């Protein structure tokens, strides 16, 4: 039993404790019942929970309470705060989000780089001209397009071409493209060879023209420098147009080495062509025309003991002497017959070739001009052609008619034809007949 007259810090009856505990349990039960009705669970005191664990554990709690520091009421009950579970920082989530953002930025930047590099350049009204030379590689063409401002990025454009399987069909030529064109439009033009029609020069070299006459015609019609043309026509190392110029005789008597080799025709060439380019173009035409002769022309020429140079020389004589095509093989037969008989050819055209200006009528003094081209004084063919022969004259020189004619004289009746004779006496009669029928 408790003693009222003793201090509270003295001994306490066990019964007193029990009574106190019983009261606490009743209070707890009352609180639990009230909580059940309200839908919430009561928060039990630490002392109540200890007491509910049984007598043994209750005594342990009492001993612990008696050991509390002085000044704290032994029977005071304390409320226990439940331990809060510490949350871990969301480091992994933030790291993932940051890494994803970086990847998206890099991918987006790469896509923008490709898009920007492949999109058309800024549109412009002025077209750009550039030239693709023969044999130029696709990569060089792409670099040229970038230099001209027609594409933005040569590296990306090259990669796109490889993906599309393009670039192998680009055609050589001069192109005119406009900035702002799509890459598909550019490739289509290069594949189709949609080149710009280059400015050209067009000129005609008549049959029977000499090298000086050709130079004058080119200076007049094609803007060629006459002096430079004549200079180039005297330098064999510049002649690459014909295989036959390689067999030209090194004869000092030749007035103009290329006489008879510059084929007379109508030409169209790129504006600004050099004098050497014009010469080689005309030489190439000679080879092309000779290829049009019958297949046996080389063997026929060899059987007759002729070279190409001699063939062109005979053809040039025919060209200068004849107007009517049907008479070309006949005049060629006269030349052949005289050569066989070792007679001087006595062709007036060779004398005219020596004169600075053509004469309507040759005088006796003209026939005495000392020159290897004078066929009145010299036997056989002159050193070389005296003009540019036509293909018909070349064919006539190669395939002359079979006749016994040794003479011919021009009719003066305006028909530009001839009278032919086998003997000198008959030739004299033809001369009188020609004079009689001369047009007044």
Protein backbone atom coordinates (compact mmCIF):
# COMPACT_ATOMS: atom_id res chain seq x y z
CA UNK A 1 0.00 0.00 0.00
CA UNK A 2 1.13 3.55 -0.58
CA UNK A 3 2.07 5.75 2.20
CA UNK A 4 0.77 9.24 1.95
CA UNK A 5 3.31 10.57 4.32
CA UNK A 6 6.32 9.28 2.45
CA UNK A 7 7.94 10.90 -0.53
CA UNK A 8 6.83 9.80 -4.00
CA UNK A 9 10.31 8.73 -4.84
CA UNK A 10 10.04 5.94 -2.20
CA UNK A 11 8.75 2.47 -2.82
CA UNK A 12 5.51 1.88 -4.59
CA UNK A 13 3.11 -0.97 -4.16
CA UNK A 14 2.74 -3.42 -6.90
CA UNK A 15 -0.95 -3.15 -6.63
CA UNK A 16 -0.75 0.51 -7.18
CA UNK A 17 1.00 -0.15 -10.48
CA UNK A 18 -1.51 -2.71 -11.50
CA UNK A 19 -4.34 -0.37 -10.84
CA UNK A 20 -2.66 2.26 -12.96
CA UNK A 21 -2.04 -0.24 -15.75
CA UNK A 22 -5.61 -1.41 -15.64
CA UNK A 23 -6.82 2.08 -16.04
CA UNK A 24 -4.48 2.61 -19.01
CA UNK A 25 -5.74 -0.51 -20.69
CA UNK A 26 -9.32 0.55 -20.20
CA UNK A 27 -8.51 3.92 -21.70
CA UNK A 28 -6.83 2.23 -24.66
CA UNK A 29 -9.79 -0.01 -25.23
CA UNK A 30 -12.11 2.98 -25.16
CA UNK A 31 -9.96 4.80 -27.72
CA UNK A 32 -9.82 1.74 -29.97
CA UNK A 33 -13.59 1.39 -29.88
CA UNK A 34 -14.02 5.06 -30.73
CA UNK A 35 -11.51 4.75 -33.56
CA UNK A 36 -13.28 1.78 -34.99
CA UNK A 37 -16.50 3.69 -35.16
CA UNK A 38 -14.78 6.64 -36.87
CA UNK A 39 -12.80 4.41 -39.33
CA UNK A 40 -9.32 5.25 -38.00
CA UNK A 41 -6.91 3.25 -35.92
CA UNK A 42 -5.75 4.62 -32.56
CA UNK A 43 -2.14 5.45 -31.94
CA UNK A 44 -1.10 3.41 -28.96
CA UNK A 45 1.34 4.73 -26.50
CA UNK A 46 4.61 3.08 -26.18
CA UNK A 47 3.85 2.18 -22.54
CA UNK A 48 0.53 0.59 -23.46
CA UNK A 49 2.12 -1.52 -26.15
CA UNK A 50 4.74 -2.64 -23.72
CA UNK A 51 2.21 -3.55 -21.11
CA UNK A 52 0.22 -5.61 -23.64
CA UNK A 53 3.26 -7.74 -24.37
CA UNK A 54 2.93 -9.62 -21.04
CA UNK A 55 4.15 -9.53 -17.51
CA UNK A 56 7.74 -10.31 -18.28
CA UNK A 57 8.17 -7.57 -20.83
CA UNK A 58 6.23 -5.18 -18.59
CA UNK A 59 8.70 -5.65 -15.82
CA UNK A 60 11.54 -4.98 -18.13
CA UNK A 61 9.89 -1.75 -19.14
CA UNK A 62 9.41 -0.79 -15.50
CA UNK A 63 13.05 -1.35 -14.80
CA UNK A 64 13.98 0.72 -17.79
CA UNK A 65 11.70 3.49 -16.65
CA UNK A 66 13.19 3.50 -13.18
CA UNK A 67 16.56 4.08 -14.73
CA UNK A 68 15.51 7.28 -16.42
CA UNK A 69 17.23 10.46 -15.37
CA UNK A 70 16.07 12.36 -12.31
CA UNK A 71 13.42 14.97 -12.85
CA UNK A 72 11.47 12.87 -15.37
CA UNK A 73 8.28 11.37 -14.07
CA UNK A 74 8.67 7.60 -13.99
CA UNK A 75 5.12 6.78 -14.90
CA UNK A 76 4.93 9.28 -17.76
CA UNK A 77 4.04 7.70 -21.07
CA UNK A 78 5.75 8.79 -24.34
CA UNK A 79 4.38 8.60 -27.85
CA UNK A 80 6.62 6.81 -30.37
CA UNK A 81 7.01 8.45 -33.84
CA UNK A 82 7.09 5.83 -36.60
CA UNK A 83 10.40 5.73 -38.51
CA UNK A 84 10.08 7.40 -41.99
CA UNK A 85 11.65 5.41 -44.89
CA UNK A 86 14.25 7.62 -46.55
CA UNK A 87 13.69 8.02 -50.33
CA UNK A 88 16.64 7.55 -52.75
CA UNK A 89 17.44 10.47 -55.16
CA UNK A 90 16.14 10.02 -58.75
CA UNK A 91 19.66 10.12 -60.23
CA UNK A 92 19.13 7.37 -62.77
CA UNK A 93 15.99 8.97 -64.20
CA UNK A 94 17.65 12.34 -64.57
CA UNK A 95 20.74 10.77 -66.16
CA UNK A 96 18.57 8.93 -68.69
CA UNK A 97 16.63 12.08 -69.55
CA UNK A 98 19.82 14.10 -70.03
CA UNK A 99 21.42 11.40 -72.21
CA UNK A 100 18.25 11.11 -74.30
CA UNK A 101 18.18 14.87 -74.77
CA UNK A 102 21.79 14.88 -75.95
CA UNK A 103 21.11 12.08 -78.45
CA UNK A 104 18.04 13.88 -79.78
CA UNK A 105 20.02 17.09 -80.16
CA UNK A 106 22.81 15.32 -82.04
CA UNK A 107 20.40 13.44 -84.31
CA UNK A 108 18.45 16.59 -84.96
CA UNK A 109 21.64 18.49 -85.74
CA UNK A 110 22.81 15.79 -88.14
CA UNK A 111 19.45 15.71 -89.90
CA UNK A 112 19.47 19.49 -90.23
CA UNK A 113 23.02 19.38 -91.59
CA UNK A 114 22.04 16.85 -94.26
CA UNK A 115 18.82 18.65 -95.13
CA UNK A 116 20.51 22.00 -95.37
CA UNK A 117 23.42 20.62 -97.39
CA UNK A 118 21.17 18.95 -99.96
CA UNK A 119 18.52 21.61 -100.40
CA UNK A 120 18.72 23.88 -103.47
CA UNK A 121 20.90 26.94 -103.38
CA UNK A 122 19.42 30.40 -103.31
CA UNK A 123 17.49 31.04 -106.51
CA UNK A 124 19.00 33.45 -109.03
CA UNK A 125 17.87 34.79 -112.36
CA UNK A 126 21.28 34.67 -114.02
CA UNK A 127 22.28 31.22 -115.33
CA UNK A 128 25.72 29.80 -114.70
CA UNK A 129 27.78 28.25 -117.48
CA UNK A 130 30.30 25.49 -116.91
CA UNK A 131 31.92 22.81 -119.05
CA UNK A 132 32.30 19.08 -118.49
CA UNK A 133 35.27 17.86 -120.48
CA UNK A 134 35.46 14.41 -121.99
CA UNK A 135 36.56 11.83 -119.42
CA UNK A 136 35.91 14.07 -116.42
CA UNK A 137 35.07 12.02 -113.32
CA UNK A 138 31.79 12.52 -111.47
CA UNK A 139 33.56 13.75 -108.31
CA UNK A 140 35.26 16.49 -110.30
CA UNK A 141 31.92 17.48 -111.79
CA UNK A 142 30.42 17.70 -108.28
CA UNK A 143 33.25 19.93 -107.10
CA UNK A 144 32.71 22.12 -110.14
CA UNK A 145 29.01 22.40 -109.30
CA UNK A 146 29.87 23.53 -105.78
CA UNK A 147 32.39 26.08 -107.07
CA UNK A 148 29.74 27.53 -109.36
CA UNK A 149 27.24 27.84 -106.50
CA UNK A 150 24.83 25.28 -107.95
CA UNK A 151 24.95 22.92 -104.96
CA UNK A 152 25.65 23.60 -101.29
CA UNK A 153 27.78 20.66 -100.20
CA UNK A 154 29.86 18.51 -102.56
CA UNK A 155 30.40 15.79 -99.91
CA UNK A 156 26.68 15.31 -99.25
CA UNK A 157 25.82 15.58 -102.95
CA UNK A 158 28.37 12.88 -103.74
CA UNK A 159 26.89 10.59 -101.10
CA UNK A 160 23.39 11.18 -102.43
CA UNK A 161 24.52 10.32 -105.96
CA UNK A 162 25.98 7.02 -104.75
CA UNK A 163 22.75 6.14 -102.95
CA UNK A 164 20.76 6.93 -106.09
CA UNK A 165 23.21 5.12 -108.40
CA UNK A 166 23.81 8.28 -110.41
CA UNK A 167 26.89 10.04 -111.74
CA UNK A 168 28.10 7.53 -114.32
CA UNK A 169 26.02 8.92 -117.20
CA UNK A 170 27.13 12.57 -117.13
CA UNK A 171 27.84 13.77 -120.66
CA UNK A 172 30.57 16.12 -121.75
CA UNK A 173 29.69 19.56 -123.04
CA UNK A 174 28.94 23.12 -122.04
CA UNK A 175 25.99 23.48 -119.69
CA UNK A 176 23.89 26.38 -118.50
CA UNK A 177 22.26 25.82 -115.09
CA UNK A 178 20.42 28.23 -112.81
CA UNK A 179 21.06 28.44 -109.04
CA UNK A 180 18.00 27.18 -107.20
CA UNK A 181 17.55 24.06 -109.32
CA UNK A 182 16.90 20.86 -107.39
CA UNK A 183 19.48 18.12 -107.37
CA UNK A 184 17.16 15.93 -109.43
CA UNK A 185 16.88 18.63 -112.10
CA UNK A 186 20.66 19.07 -112.21
CA UNK A 187 21.33 15.35 -112.58
CA UNK A 188 18.66 15.01 -115.28
CA UNK A 189 20.29 17.74 -117.38
CA UNK A 190 23.75 16.21 -117.05
CA UNK A 191 22.47 12.72 -117.89
CA UNK A 192 20.56 13.92 -120.96
CA UNK A 193 23.47 16.01 -122.24
CA UNK A 194 21.22 19.06 -122.35
CA UNK A 195 24.09 21.30 -123.33
CA UNK A 196 24.08 24.87 -124.50
CA UNK A 197 24.23 25.33 -128.22
CA UNK A 198 27.72 26.75 -128.56
CA UNK A 199 28.29 29.75 -130.76
CA UNK A 200 29.74 28.57 -134.01
CA UNK A 201 31.41 29.88 -137.11
CA UNK A 202 30.34 28.63 -140.49
CA UNK A 203 32.39 28.92 -143.65
CA UNK A 204 32.60 27.36 -147.09
CA UNK A 205 35.81 26.61 -148.93
CA UNK A 206 35.11 26.32 -152.68
CA UNK A 207 36.63 23.53 -154.72
CA UNK A 208 39.82 24.55 -156.47
CA UNK A 209 40.90 27.11 -153.85
CA UNK A 210 44.58 27.41 -153.06
CA UNK A 211 46.02 27.70 -149.54
CA UNK A 212 46.35 31.53 -149.74
CA UNK A 213 42.78 31.78 -151.02
CA UNK A 214 41.58 29.56 -148.16
CA UNK A 215 43.37 31.82 -145.67
CA UNK A 216 41.69 34.90 -147.13
CA UNK A 217 38.26 33.24 -147.05
CA UNK A 218 38.71 32.21 -143.42
CA UNK A 219 39.83 35.69 -142.42
CA UNK A 220 36.72 37.09 -144.07
CA UNK A 221 34.11 34.56 -142.96
CA UNK A 222 35.47 32.99 -139.76
CA UNK A 223 37.58 35.68 -138.15
CA UNK A 224 40.75 33.63 -138.58
CA UNK A 225 44.05 35.45 -138.57
CA UNK A 226 45.43 35.05 -142.08
CA UNK A 227 49.11 35.27 -141.12
CA UNK A 228 48.73 32.80 -138.27
CA UNK A 229 46.88 30.41 -140.56
CA UNK A 230 49.65 30.51 -143.15
CA UNK A 231 52.23 30.00 -140.42
CA UNK A 232 50.39 26.98 -139.01
CA UNK A 233 50.04 25.56 -142.54
CA UNK A 234 53.81 25.43 -142.80
CA UNK A 235 54.47 23.51 -139.55
CA UNK A 236 54.04 19.74 -139.96
CA UNK A 237 54.31 19.16 -136.20
CA UNK A 238 50.90 20.83 -135.79
CA UNK A 239 49.07 18.64 -138.29
CA UNK A 240 47.21 15.88 -136.49
CA UNK A 241 43.99 15.71 -138.51
CA UNK A 242 45.06 13.37 -141.31
CA UNK A 243 47.16 10.24 -141.51
CA UNK A 244 48.14 11.11 -145.07
CA UNK A 245 50.06 14.25 -144.14
CA UNK A 246 52.65 12.00 -142.51
CA UNK A 247 53.64 10.81 -145.98
CA UNK A 248 54.11 14.28 -147.41
CA UNK A 249 57.38 14.52 -149.36
CA UNK A 250 60.01 16.77 -147.89
CA UNK A 251 60.36 18.64 -151.13
CA UNK A 252 61.73 22.14 -151.02
CA UNK A 253 59.98 22.85 -154.31
CA UNK A 254 56.53 22.67 -152.67
CA UNK A 255 55.08 26.13 -152.49
CA UNK A 256 52.66 25.21 -149.72
CA UNK A 257 53.01 21.77 -148.12
CA UNK A 258 49.29 21.45 -147.36
CA UNK A 259 48.18 22.42 -150.84
CA UNK A 260 45.52 19.94 -151.95
CA UNK A 261 45.09 18.42 -148.46
CA UNK A 262 42.66 20.98 -147.02
CA UNK A 263 39.42 19.52 -148.27
CA UNK A 264 36.95 21.99 -149.80
CA UNK A 265 33.59 21.84 -148.06
CA UNK A 266 31.18 23.75 -145.81
CA UNK A 267 32.26 23.70 -142.18
CA UNK A 268 30.73 24.67 -138.87
CA UNK A 269 33.07 25.00 -135.95
CA UNK A 270 33.04 26.39 -132.45
CA UNK A 271 33.54 30.13 -132.31
CA UNK A 272 37.03 31.02 -131.26
CA UNK A 273 38.65 27.97 -132.85
CA UNK A 274 42.33 28.47 -133.45
CA UNK A 275 43.99 28.44 -136.83
CA UNK A 276 45.54 25.04 -136.06
CA UNK A 277 42.15 23.62 -135.10
CA UNK A 278 40.66 24.80 -138.39
CA UNK A 279 43.50 23.18 -140.34
CA UNK A 280 43.15 19.86 -138.53
CA UNK A 281 39.39 19.90 -139.02
CA UNK A 282 39.85 20.29 -142.78
CA UNK A 283 42.53 17.60 -142.83
CA UNK A 284 40.21 15.23 -140.98
CA UNK A 285 37.56 15.85 -143.62
CA UNK A 286 40.01 14.73 -146.31
CA UNK A 287 40.44 11.37 -144.57
CA UNK A 288 36.68 11.05 -144.18
CA UNK A 289 36.12 11.71 -147.88
CA UNK A 290 38.84 9.27 -148.97
CA UNK A 291 37.11 6.61 -146.88
CA UNK A 292 34.04 7.10 -149.09
CA UNK A 293 35.93 5.90 -152.16
CA UNK A 294 35.40 2.33 -153.39
CA UNK A 295 37.00 -0.29 -151.19
CA UNK A 296 39.66 -1.11 -153.77
CA UNK A 297 40.93 2.44 -154.13
CA UNK A 298 44.23 1.79 -152.33
CA UNK A 299 45.05 -1.29 -154.37
CA UNK A 300 44.09 0.50 -157.62
CA UNK A 301 46.34 3.40 -156.67
CA UNK A 302 49.23 1.06 -155.93
CA UNK A 303 48.70 -0.85 -159.17
CA UNK A 304 49.04 2.41 -161.05
CA UNK A 305 52.23 3.20 -159.16
CA UNK A 306 50.81 6.29 -157.51
CA UNK A 307 51.06 7.71 -154.00
CA UNK A 308 48.31 9.66 -152.26
CA UNK A 309 50.34 12.80 -152.88
CA UNK A 310 50.51 12.11 -156.62
CA UNK A 311 46.83 11.16 -156.71
CA UNK A 312 45.88 14.48 -155.13
CA UNK A 313 48.18 16.29 -157.55
CA UNK A 314 46.45 14.76 -160.60
CA UNK A 315 43.06 15.46 -159.00
CA UNK A 316 44.00 19.11 -158.48
CA UNK A 317 44.94 19.45 -162.16
CA UNK A 318 41.58 18.00 -163.15
CA UNK A 319 39.83 20.32 -160.70
CA UNK A 320 41.40 23.43 -162.16
CA UNK A 321 40.91 22.40 -165.79
CA UNK A 322 37.35 21.05 -165.76
CA UNK A 323 33.95 22.48 -164.92
CA UNK A 324 31.61 19.80 -166.25
CA UNK A 325 31.64 16.68 -164.06
CA UNK A 326 31.24 14.32 -166.99
CA UNK A 327 34.52 15.55 -168.48
CA UNK A 328 36.63 14.92 -165.35
CA UNK A 329 37.45 11.26 -166.15
CA UNK A 330 38.24 12.23 -169.76
CA UNK A 331 40.73 14.94 -168.77
CA UNK A 332 42.22 12.50 -166.27
CA UNK A 333 42.74 10.05 -169.12
CA UNK A 334 44.60 12.71 -171.11
CA UNK A 335 46.94 13.28 -168.16
CA UNK A 336 47.49 9.56 -167.77
CA UNK A 337 48.18 9.07 -171.47
CA UNK A 338 50.70 11.90 -171.59
CA UNK A 339 52.49 10.61 -168.49
CA UNK A 340 52.79 7.19 -170.10
CA UNK A 341 54.25 8.72 -173.28
CA UNK A 342 56.52 11.00 -171.18
CA UNK A 343 55.03 14.05 -172.82
CA UNK A 344 54.92 17.39 -171.02
CA UNK A 345 51.45 17.88 -169.62
CA UNK A 346 51.26 21.49 -170.87
CA UNK A 347 48.40 22.35 -168.54
CA UNK A 348 47.62 26.06 -168.34
CA UNK A 349 46.39 25.75 -164.76
CA UNK A 350 49.93 25.07 -163.54
CA UNK A 351 51.05 28.39 -165.04
CA UNK A 352 48.12 30.24 -163.48
CA UNK A 353 49.15 28.76 -160.12
CA UNK A 354 52.49 30.52 -160.40
CA UNK A 355 50.98 33.92 -161.08
CA UNK A 356 49.85 36.27 -158.34
CA UNK A 357 46.60 36.94 -160.20
CA UNK A 358 44.57 34.78 -162.53
CA UNK A 359 44.68 35.78 -166.18
CA UNK A 360 41.92 35.43 -168.71
CA UNK A 361 44.45 34.53 -171.37
CA UNK A 362 48.01 33.33 -170.92
CA UNK A 363 50.69 34.96 -173.00
CA UNK A 364 53.67 33.28 -174.60
CA UNK A 365 55.96 34.84 -172.04
CA UNK A 366 53.94 33.31 -169.23
CA UNK A 367 54.61 29.84 -170.56
CA UNK A 368 58.33 30.40 -170.12
CA UNK A 369 58.26 31.07 -166.37
CA UNK A 370 60.98 29.04 -164.72
CA UNK A 371 59.42 26.89 -162.04
CA UNK A 372 59.07 23.19 -161.28
CA UNK A 373 55.31 23.82 -161.52
CA UNK A 374 55.61 24.89 -165.18
CA UNK A 375 54.32 21.81 -167.02
CA UNK A 376 55.24 23.36 -170.34
CA UNK A 377 58.92 23.30 -169.47
CA UNK A 378 59.01 20.24 -167.19
CA UNK A 379 57.97 16.69 -167.90
CA UNK A 380 55.76 14.76 -165.48
CA UNK A 381 53.69 15.97 -162.56
CA UNK A 382 54.39 19.19 -160.70
CA UNK A 383 55.88 18.88 -157.18
CA UNK A 384 52.45 18.81 -155.60
CA UNK A 385 48.77 19.75 -155.91
CA UNK A 386 47.93 23.18 -157.24
CA UNK A 387 44.52 23.47 -155.53
CA UNK A 388 42.02 21.71 -153.26
CA UNK A 389 40.38 18.97 -155.37
CA UNK A 390 36.80 17.78 -154.92
CA UNK A 391 35.91 14.16 -154.31
CA UNK A 392 34.72 13.84 -157.92
CA UNK A 393 38.10 14.97 -159.19
CA UNK A 394 39.83 12.50 -156.88
CA UNK A 395 37.62 9.69 -158.19
CA UNK A 396 38.36 10.76 -161.79
CA UNK A 397 42.11 10.75 -161.09
CA UNK A 398 41.80 7.30 -159.55
CA UNK A 399 39.49 5.83 -162.20
CA UNK A 400 40.14 7.70 -165.49
CA UNK A 401 38.36 6.82 -168.70
CA UNK A 402 40.16 4.56 -171.14
CA UNK A 403 40.86 6.81 -174.13
CA UNK A 404 43.64 7.66 -176.58
CA UNK A 405 43.22 11.41 -176.18
CA UNK A 406 46.35 13.47 -175.84
CA UNK A 407 44.90 16.96 -176.39
CA UNK A 408 41.94 19.08 -175.42
CA UNK A 409 40.95 22.69 -175.92
CA UNK A 410 38.23 24.72 -174.26
CA UNK A 411 35.16 25.53 -176.27
CA UNK A 412 34.48 29.21 -176.33
CA UNK A 413 30.78 28.91 -176.84
CA UNK A 414 29.96 29.45 -173.17
CA UNK A 415 29.36 25.78 -172.32
CA UNK A 416 32.61 25.40 -170.35
CA UNK A 417 33.26 22.11 -172.10
CA UNK A 418 36.19 20.84 -174.21
CA UNK A 419 37.08 19.42 -177.61
CA UNK A 420 39.33 16.35 -177.38
CA UNK A 421 41.82 15.00 -179.91
CA UNK A 422 44.15 12.05 -180.28
CA UNK A 423 46.56 13.78 -182.72
CA UNK A 424 48.13 17.19 -182.90
CA UNK A 425 46.60 17.93 -186.30
CA UNK A 426 43.13 17.19 -185.00
CA UNK A 427 43.89 19.37 -182.04
CA UNK A 428 44.72 22.28 -184.32
CA UNK A 429 41.38 21.89 -186.06
CA UNK A 430 39.64 21.94 -182.69
CA UNK A 431 41.40 25.18 -181.81
CA UNK A 432 40.13 26.84 -184.98
CA UNK A 433 36.66 25.48 -184.36
CA UNK A 434 36.70 26.88 -180.83
CA UNK A 435 37.75 30.31 -182.08
CA UNK A 436 35.07 30.25 -184.74
CA UNK A 437 32.31 29.51 -182.26
CA UNK A 438 33.58 31.95 -179.67
CA UNK A 439 30.88 33.99 -178.03
CA UNK A 440 31.33 37.64 -178.93
